[in-house]
Amino acid sequence: MKNVRLVGRLLERALRESLAKIDPTGKMELSEFRVISSSDLVIGGLLEGVNFVGFAIGDSPELIMAFDFENSSTIVSRLLKLKKTGILETYNIRELMESLLRELGNVIAGQFASRLSNSLGYELLPSVPFSIKTVDQLERVLNFLGGGKKLPVFVGLVYDEHGGCLEVYIIPSADFFEMLARYPEPFKRTGRRSRGVEYAR
């Protein structure tokens, strides 16, 4: 698939700008941004299980942004410690955790859609959150986005000041790649801005 690296740069910049807008102190930091294949994502799901909360970005949708909350170790461990002390004795720990993390994902997805809209020149809105809890569900999402083709999946690791990690998956649709191939202006705007400059603009 063409322009994978350029699309990655566009999405990485939008994610960095989003985090800087949410937390201007810089305590939420994108420490890694890499690309894997959609088949690798499925294999990982078969080996380790799937527990994503996703947001469709755009009407088509142009892409899916998903959060792997199983690996949000700091948030989980804090809640479990509270559980042990009895503070959360009356709560369902899993339901509470998922609710809190859906809210966090909603904030990030909203900012990401806004930043990406600025780059593309048209408005993108995130959907309400939805769960992806099985490999079958994950494969259906990937097939819908790719039309049966393998897709690149961009993976970001976001760390907070306490060392907690949140995994963010951004899966562009095949139509999104085709649209950017026809109208490459966002790539030109991305190239004119240095990677480290004024992400919270």
C-alpha atoms as a PDB file:
ATOM      1  CA  MET A   1       0.000   0.000   0.000  1.00  0.00           C
ATOM      2  CA  LYS A   2       1.410   3.386  -1.044  1.00  0.00           C
ATOM      3  CA  ASN A   3       2.283   6.300   1.233  1.00  0.00           C
ATOM      4  CA  VAL A   4       2.383   4.252   4.449  1.00  0.00           C
ATOM      5  CA  ARG A   5       5.278   6.259   5.848  1.00  0.00           C
ATOM      6  CA  LEU A   6       3.703   9.602   4.919  1.00  0.00           C
ATOM      7  CA  VAL A   7       0.341   8.592   6.393  1.00  0.00           C
ATOM      8  CA  GLY A   8       2.180   7.507   9.536  1.00  0.00           C
ATOM      9  CA  ARG A   9       3.799  10.928   9.855  1.00  0.00           C
ATOM     10  CA  LEU A  10       0.428  12.635   9.413  1.00  0.00           C
ATOM     11  CA  LEU A  11      -1.227  10.479  12.085  1.00  0.00           C
ATOM     12  CA  GLU A  12       1.710  10.703  14.486  1.00  0.00           C
ATOM     13  CA  ARG A  13       1.680  14.479  14.323  1.00  0.00           C
ATOM     14  CA  ALA A  14      -2.077  14.587  14.958  1.00  0.00           C
ATOM     15  CA  LEU A  15      -1.687  12.285  17.973  1.00  0.00           C
ATOM     16  CA  ARG A  16       1.216  14.292  19.416  1.00  0.00           C
ATOM     17  CA  GLU A  17      -0.719  17.536  18.994  1.00  0.00           C
ATOM     18  CA  SER A  18      -3.751  15.953  20.668  1.00  0.00           C
ATOM     19  CA  LEU A  19      -1.780  14.856  23.722  1.00  0.00           C
ATOM     20  CA  ALA A  20      -0.114  18.269  23.992  1.00  0.00           C
ATOM     21  CA  LYS A  21      -3.522  19.955  23.879  1.00  0.00           C
ATOM     22  CA  ILE A  22      -4.969  17.624  26.521  1.00  0.00           C
ATOM     23  CA  ASP A  23      -1.943  17.948  28.809  1.00  0.00           C
ATOM     24  CA  PRO A  24       0.169  21.069  28.068  1.00  0.00           C
ATOM     25  CA  THR A  25       2.572  20.092  30.874  1.00  0.00           C
ATOM     26  CA  GLY A  26       3.873  17.257  28.699  1.00  0.00           C
ATOM     27  CA  LYS A  27       3.304  14.564  31.329  1.00  0.00           C
ATOM     28  CA  MET A  28       1.393  12.479  28.781  1.00  0.00           C
ATOM     29  CA  GLU A  29       4.012  11.655  26.180  1.00  0.00           C
ATOM     30  CA  LEU A  30       3.971   9.653  22.969  1.00  0.00           C
ATOM     31  CA  SER A  31       7.179   7.684  23.441  1.00  0.00           C
ATOM     32  CA  GLU A  32       6.864   5.321  20.482  1.00  0.00           C
ATOM     33  CA  PHE A  33       4.990   5.263  17.184  1.00  0.00           C
ATOM     34  CA  ARG A  34       5.438   2.315  14.842  1.00  0.00           C
ATOM     35  CA  VAL A  35       3.633   0.386  12.145  1.00  0.00           C
ATOM     36  CA  ILE A  36       2.616  -3.277  12.103  1.00  0.00           C
ATOM     37  CA  SER A  37       0.456  -5.264   9.696  1.00  0.00           C
ATOM     38  CA  SER A  38      -3.178  -6.040  10.396  1.00  0.00           C
ATOM     39  CA  SER A  39      -2.304  -9.756  10.342  1.00  0.00           C
ATOM     40  CA  ASP A  40       0.190  -9.163  13.175  1.00  0.00           C
ATOM     41  CA  LEU A  41      -2.571  -7.477  15.163  1.00  0.00           C
ATOM     42  CA  VAL A  42      -4.826 -10.507  14.683  1.00  0.00           C
ATOM     43  CA  ILE A  43      -2.035 -12.911  15.669  1.00  0.00           C
ATOM     44  CA  GLY A  44      -1.425 -10.846  18.801  1.00  0.00           C
ATOM     45  CA  GLY A  45      -5.124 -11.084  19.581  1.00  0.00           C
ATOM     46  CA  LEU A  46      -5.062 -14.867  19.197  1.00  0.00           C
ATOM     47  CA  LEU A  47      -2.078 -15.153  21.539  1.00  0.00           C
ATOM     48  CA  GLU A  48      -2.991 -12.568  24.170  1.00  0.00           C
ATOM     49  CA  GLY A  49      -6.696 -11.895  23.743  1.00  0.00           C
ATOM     50  CA  VAL A  50      -8.507  -8.766  22.571  1.00  0.00           C
ATOM     51  CA  ASN A  51      -9.937  -6.008  24.732  1.00  0.00           C
ATOM     52  CA  PHE A  52     -10.150  -2.758  22.764  1.00  0.00           C
ATOM     53  CA  VAL A  53     -12.391   0.250  22.993  1.00  0.00           C
ATOM     54  CA  GLY A  54     -12.704   1.794  19.541  1.00  0.00           C
ATOM     55  CA  PHE A  55     -13.863   5.030  17.950  1.00  0.00           C
ATOM     56  CA  ALA A  56     -14.727   5.409  14.270  1.00  0.00           C
ATOM     57  CA  ILE A  57     -13.289   8.682  12.939  1.00  0.00           C
ATOM     58  CA  GLY A  58     -15.251  10.191  10.041  1.00  0.00           C
ATOM     59  CA  ASP A  59     -18.409   9.088   8.258  1.00  0.00           C
ATOM     60  CA  SER A  60     -16.933   6.369   6.034  1.00  0.00           C
ATOM     61  CA  PRO A  61     -15.147   5.873   8.486  1.00  0.00           C
ATOM     62  CA  GLU A  62     -11.755   7.159   7.411  1.00  0.00           C
ATOM     63  CA  LEU A  63     -10.084   5.258  10.222  1.00  0.00           C
ATOM     64  CA  ILE A  64     -10.565   3.521  13.550  1.00  0.00           C
ATOM     65  CA  MET A  65      -8.793   4.628  16.716  1.00  0.00           C
ATOM     66  CA  ALA A  66      -8.679   1.891  19.361  1.00  0.00           C
ATOM     67  CA  PHE A  67      -7.264   1.711  22.870  1.00  0.00           C
ATOM     68  CA  ASP A  68      -5.922  -1.462  24.453  1.00  0.00           C
ATOM     69  CA  PHE A  69      -6.922  -0.946  28.036  1.00  0.00           C
ATOM     70  CA  GLU A  70      -5.651  -4.328  29.214  1.00  0.00           C
ATOM     71  CA  ASN A  71      -2.159  -2.859  29.005  1.00  0.00           C
ATOM     72  CA  SER A  72      -2.984   0.327  30.900  1.00  0.00           C
ATOM     73  CA  SER A  73      -1.050  -1.143  33.790  1.00  0.00           C
ATOM     74  CA  THR A  74      -0.846   1.864  36.097  1.00  0.00           C
ATOM     75  CA  ILE A  75      -4.558   2.635  36.003  1.00  0.00           C
ATOM     76  CA  VAL A  76      -5.450  -1.015  36.537  1.00  0.00           C
ATOM     77  CA  SER A  77      -3.009  -1.482  39.404  1.00  0.00           C
ATOM     78  CA  ARG A  78      -4.194   1.664  41.178  1.00  0.00           C
ATOM     79  CA  LEU A  79      -7.790   0.490  41.033  1.00  0.00           C
ATOM     80  CA  LEU A  80      -6.814  -2.970  42.230  1.00  0.00           C
ATOM     81  CA  LYS A  81      -4.929  -1.467  45.182  1.00  0.00           C
ATOM     82  CA  LEU A  82      -8.017   0.533  46.095  1.00  0.00           C
ATOM     83  CA  LYS A  83     -10.031  -2.673  45.830  1.00  0.00           C
ATOM     84  CA  LYS A  84      -7.713  -4.414  48.278  1.00  0.00           C
ATOM     85  CA  THR A  85      -8.013  -1.597  50.813  1.00  0.00           C
ATOM     86  CA  GLY A  86     -11.779  -1.883  50.695  1.00  0.00           C
ATOM     87  CA  ILE A  87     -12.362   1.567  49.219  1.00  0.00           C
ATOM     88  CA  LEU A  88     -13.958   0.060  46.122  1.00  0.00           C
ATOM     89  CA  GLU A  89     -15.500  -2.913  47.871  1.00  0.00           C
ATOM     90  CA  THR A  90     -18.997  -2.088  46.645  1.00  0.00           C
ATOM     91  CA  TYR A  91     -17.978  -1.529  42.996  1.00  0.00           C
ATOM     92  CA  ASN A  92     -17.446  -3.899  40.100  1.00  0.00           C
ATOM     93  CA  ILE A  93     -13.772  -3.187  39.445  1.00  0.00           C
ATOM     94  CA  ARG A  94     -13.879  -4.166  35.758  1.00  0.00           C
ATOM     95  CA  GLU A  95     -16.927  -2.038  34.992  1.00  0.00           C
ATOM     96  CA  LEU A  96     -15.462   0.955  36.800  1.00  0.00           C
ATOM     97  CA  MET A  97     -12.125   0.587  35.010  1.00  0.00           C
ATOM     98  CA  GLU A  98     -13.767   0.318  31.588  1.00  0.00           C
ATOM     99  CA  SER A  99     -15.938   3.361  32.259  1.00  0.00           C
ATOM    100  CA  LEU A 100     -12.951   5.493  33.280  1.00  0.00           C
ATOM    101  CA  LEU A 101     -10.887   4.390  30.325  1.00  0.00           C
ATOM    102  CA  ARG A 102     -13.710   4.969  27.850  1.00  0.00           C
ATOM    103  CA  GLU A 103     -13.814   8.560  29.069  1.00  0.00           C
ATOM    104  CA  LEU A 104     -10.063   8.936  28.545  1.00  0.00           C
ATOM    105  CA  GLY A 105     -10.336   7.423  25.067  1.00  0.00           C
ATOM    106  CA  ASN A 106     -13.206   9.756  24.233  1.00  0.00           C
ATOM    107  CA  VAL A 107     -11.109  12.813  25.116  1.00  0.00           C
ATOM    108  CA  ILE A 108      -8.116  11.639  23.060  1.00  0.00           C
ATOM    109  CA  ALA A 109     -10.245  10.587  20.064  1.00  0.00           C
ATOM    110  CA  GLY A 110     -12.052  13.937  20.059  1.00  0.00           C
ATOM    111  CA  GLN A 111      -8.831  15.926  20.024  1.00  0.00           C
ATOM    112  CA  PHE A 112      -7.292  13.595  17.442  1.00  0.00           C
ATOM    113  CA  ALA A 113     -10.266  13.998  15.097  1.00  0.00           C
ATOM    114  CA  SER A 114     -10.055  17.776  15.467  1.00  0.00           C
ATOM    115  CA  ARG A 115      -6.316  17.881  14.701  1.00  0.00           C
ATOM    116  CA  LEU A 116      -6.682  15.540  11.742  1.00  0.00           C
ATOM    117  CA  SER A 117      -9.563  17.672  10.433  1.00  0.00           C
ATOM    118  CA  ASN A 118      -7.259  20.697  10.456  1.00  0.00           C
ATOM    119  CA  SER A 119      -4.705  18.826   8.342  1.00  0.00           C
ATOM    120  CA  LEU A 120      -7.197  17.372   5.868  1.00  0.00           C
ATOM    121  CA  GLY A 121      -9.324  20.476   5.457  1.00  0.00           C
ATOM    122  CA  TYR A 122     -12.685  18.890   6.247  1.00  0.00           C
ATOM    123  CA  GLU A 123     -14.462  17.954   9.447  1.00  0.00           C
ATOM    124  CA  LEU A 124     -14.069  14.524  11.010  1.00  0.00           C
ATOM    125  CA  LEU A 125     -16.046  13.507  14.078  1.00  0.00           C
ATOM    126  CA  PRO A 126     -15.523  10.498  16.352  1.00  0.00           C
ATOM    127  CA  SER A 127     -18.286   7.988  16.961  1.00  0.00           C
ATOM    128  CA  VAL A 128     -19.506   6.849  20.341  1.00  0.00           C
ATOM    129  CA  PRO A 129     -17.143   4.238  21.823  1.00  0.00           C
ATOM    130  CA  PHE A 130     -17.635   0.574  20.970  1.00  0.00           C
ATOM    131  CA  SER A 131     -15.992  -2.574  22.304  1.00  0.00           C
ATOM    132  CA  ILE A 132     -13.866  -5.077  20.396  1.00  0.00           C
ATOM    133  CA  LYS A 133     -13.565  -8.084  22.669  1.00  0.00           C
ATOM    134  CA  THR A 134     -12.974 -11.046  20.348  1.00  0.00           C
ATOM    135  CA  VAL A 135     -10.669 -11.858  17.446  1.00  0.00           C
ATOM    136  CA  ASP A 136     -13.737 -12.385  15.228  1.00  0.00           C
ATOM    137  CA  GLN A 137     -14.905  -8.845  15.965  1.00  0.00           C
ATOM    138  CA  LEU A 138     -11.413  -7.507  15.266  1.00  0.00           C
ATOM    139  CA  GLU A 139     -11.249  -9.336  11.929  1.00  0.00           C
ATOM    140  CA  ARG A 140     -14.663  -7.972  10.912  1.00  0.00           C
ATOM    141  CA  VAL A 141     -13.481  -4.420  11.620  1.00  0.00           C
ATOM    142  CA  LEU A 142     -10.269  -4.964   9.633  1.00  0.00           C
ATOM    143  CA  ASN A 143     -12.127  -6.528   6.691  1.00  0.00           C
ATOM    144  CA  PHE A 144     -14.597  -3.655   6.651  1.00  0.00           C
ATOM    145  CA  LEU A 145     -11.805  -1.055   6.594  1.00  0.00           C
ATOM    146  CA  GLY A 146      -9.599  -2.889   4.119  1.00  0.00           C
ATOM    147  CA  GLY A 147     -12.123  -4.546   1.845  1.00  0.00           C
ATOM    148  CA  GLY A 148     -10.375  -7.868   2.409  1.00  0.00           C
ATOM    149  CA  LYS A 149      -6.872  -6.415   1.968  1.00  0.00           C
ATOM    150  CA  LYS A 150      -4.174  -6.279   4.631  1.00  0.00           C
ATOM    151  CA  LEU A 151      -3.808  -2.863   6.214  1.00  0.00           C
ATOM    152  CA  PRO A 152      -0.993  -1.117   8.062  1.00  0.00           C
ATOM    153  CA  VAL A 153      -1.805  -0.511  11.725  1.00  0.00           C
ATOM    154  CA  PHE A 154      -0.085   2.356  13.528  1.00  0.00           C
ATOM    155  CA  VAL A 155       0.681   1.714  17.196  1.00  0.00           C
ATOM    156  CA  GLY A 156       1.442   4.487  19.669  1.00  0.00           C
ATOM    157  CA  LEU A 157       2.625   4.059  23.252  1.00  0.00           C
ATOM    158  CA  VAL A 158       1.569   6.885  25.559  1.00  0.00           C
ATOM    159  CA  TYR A 159       3.243   7.170  28.953  1.00  0.00           C
ATOM    160  CA  ASP A 160       2.223   9.345  31.885  1.00  0.00           C
ATOM    161  CA  GLU A 161       4.320  10.799  34.706  1.00  0.00           C
ATOM    162  CA  HIS A 162       3.791   7.672  36.821  1.00  0.00           C
ATOM    163  CA  GLY A 163       5.143   5.315  34.172  1.00  0.00           C
ATOM    164  CA  GLY A 164       1.726   4.076  33.111  1.00  0.00           C
ATOM    165  CA  CYS A 165       1.344   3.014  29.483  1.00  0.00           C
ATOM    166  CA  LEU A 166      -1.644   3.315  27.171  1.00  0.00           C
ATOM    167  CA  GLU A 167      -1.531   1.559  23.789  1.00  0.00           C
ATOM    168  CA  VAL A 168      -3.235   3.417  20.949  1.00  0.00           C
ATOM    169  CA  TYR A 169      -4.001   1.707  17.631  1.00  0.00           C
ATOM    170  CA  ILE A 170      -4.847   3.781  14.548  1.00  0.00           C
ATOM    171  CA  ILE A 171      -6.169   1.782  11.589  1.00  0.00           C
ATOM    172  CA  PRO A 172      -6.735   3.829   8.411  1.00  0.00           C
ATOM    173  CA  SER A 173      -9.168   2.473   5.838  1.00  0.00           C
ATOM    174  CA  ALA A 174      -8.119   1.563   2.305  1.00  0.00           C
ATOM    175  CA  ASP A 175     -10.329   4.438   1.097  1.00  0.00           C
ATOM    176  CA  PHE A 176      -8.362   6.838   3.313  1.00  0.00           C
ATOM    177  CA  PHE A 177      -5.108   5.831   1.607  1.00  0.00           C
ATOM    178  CA  GLU A 178      -6.698   6.205  -1.831  1.00  0.00           C
ATOM    179  CA  MET A 179      -8.082   9.637  -0.966  1.00  0.00           C
ATOM    180  CA  LEU A 180      -4.660  10.871   0.191  1.00  0.00           C
ATOM    181  CA  ALA A 181      -3.052   9.468  -2.950  1.00  0.00           C
ATOM    182  CA  ARG A 182      -5.430  11.600  -5.048  1.00  0.00           C
ATOM    183  CA  TYR A 183      -5.187  14.696  -2.825  1.00  0.00           C
ATOM    184  CA  PRO A 184      -1.714  14.742  -1.214  1.00  0.00           C
ATOM    185  CA  GLU A 185      -1.871  18.327   0.117  1.00  0.00           C
ATOM    186  CA  PRO A 186      -1.928  17.209   3.814  1.00  0.00           C
ATOM    187  CA  PHE A 187       1.435  15.516   3.253  1.00  0.00           C
ATOM    188  CA  LYS A 188       2.878  18.793   1.984  1.00  0.00           C
ATOM    189  CA  ARG A 189       1.623  20.666   5.034  1.00  0.00           C
ATOM    190  CA  THR A 190       3.049  17.977   7.311  1.00  0.00           C
ATOM    191  CA  GLY A 191       6.411  18.152   5.599  1.00  0.00           C
ATOM    192  CA  ARG A 192       6.656  21.901   6.069  1.00  0.00           C
ATOM    193  CA  ARG A 193       6.405  21.653   9.855  1.00  0.00           C
ATOM    194  CA  SER A 194       9.224  20.221  11.881  1.00  0.00           C
ATOM    195  CA  ARG A 195       8.294  17.232  14.058  1.00  0.00           C
ATOM    196  CA  GLY A 196       9.134  18.898  17.348  1.00  0.00           C
ATOM    197  CA  VAL A 197       7.597  22.310  16.929  1.00  0.00           C
ATOM    198  CA  GLU A 198       4.503  23.749  18.610  1.00  0.00           C
ATOM    199  CA  TYR A 199       2.396  20.619  18.872  1.00  0.00           C
ATOM    200  CA  ALA A 200      -0.193  22.441  20.984  1.00  0.00           C
ATOM    201  CA  ARG A 201      -0.733  25.179  18.386  1.00  0.00           C
END
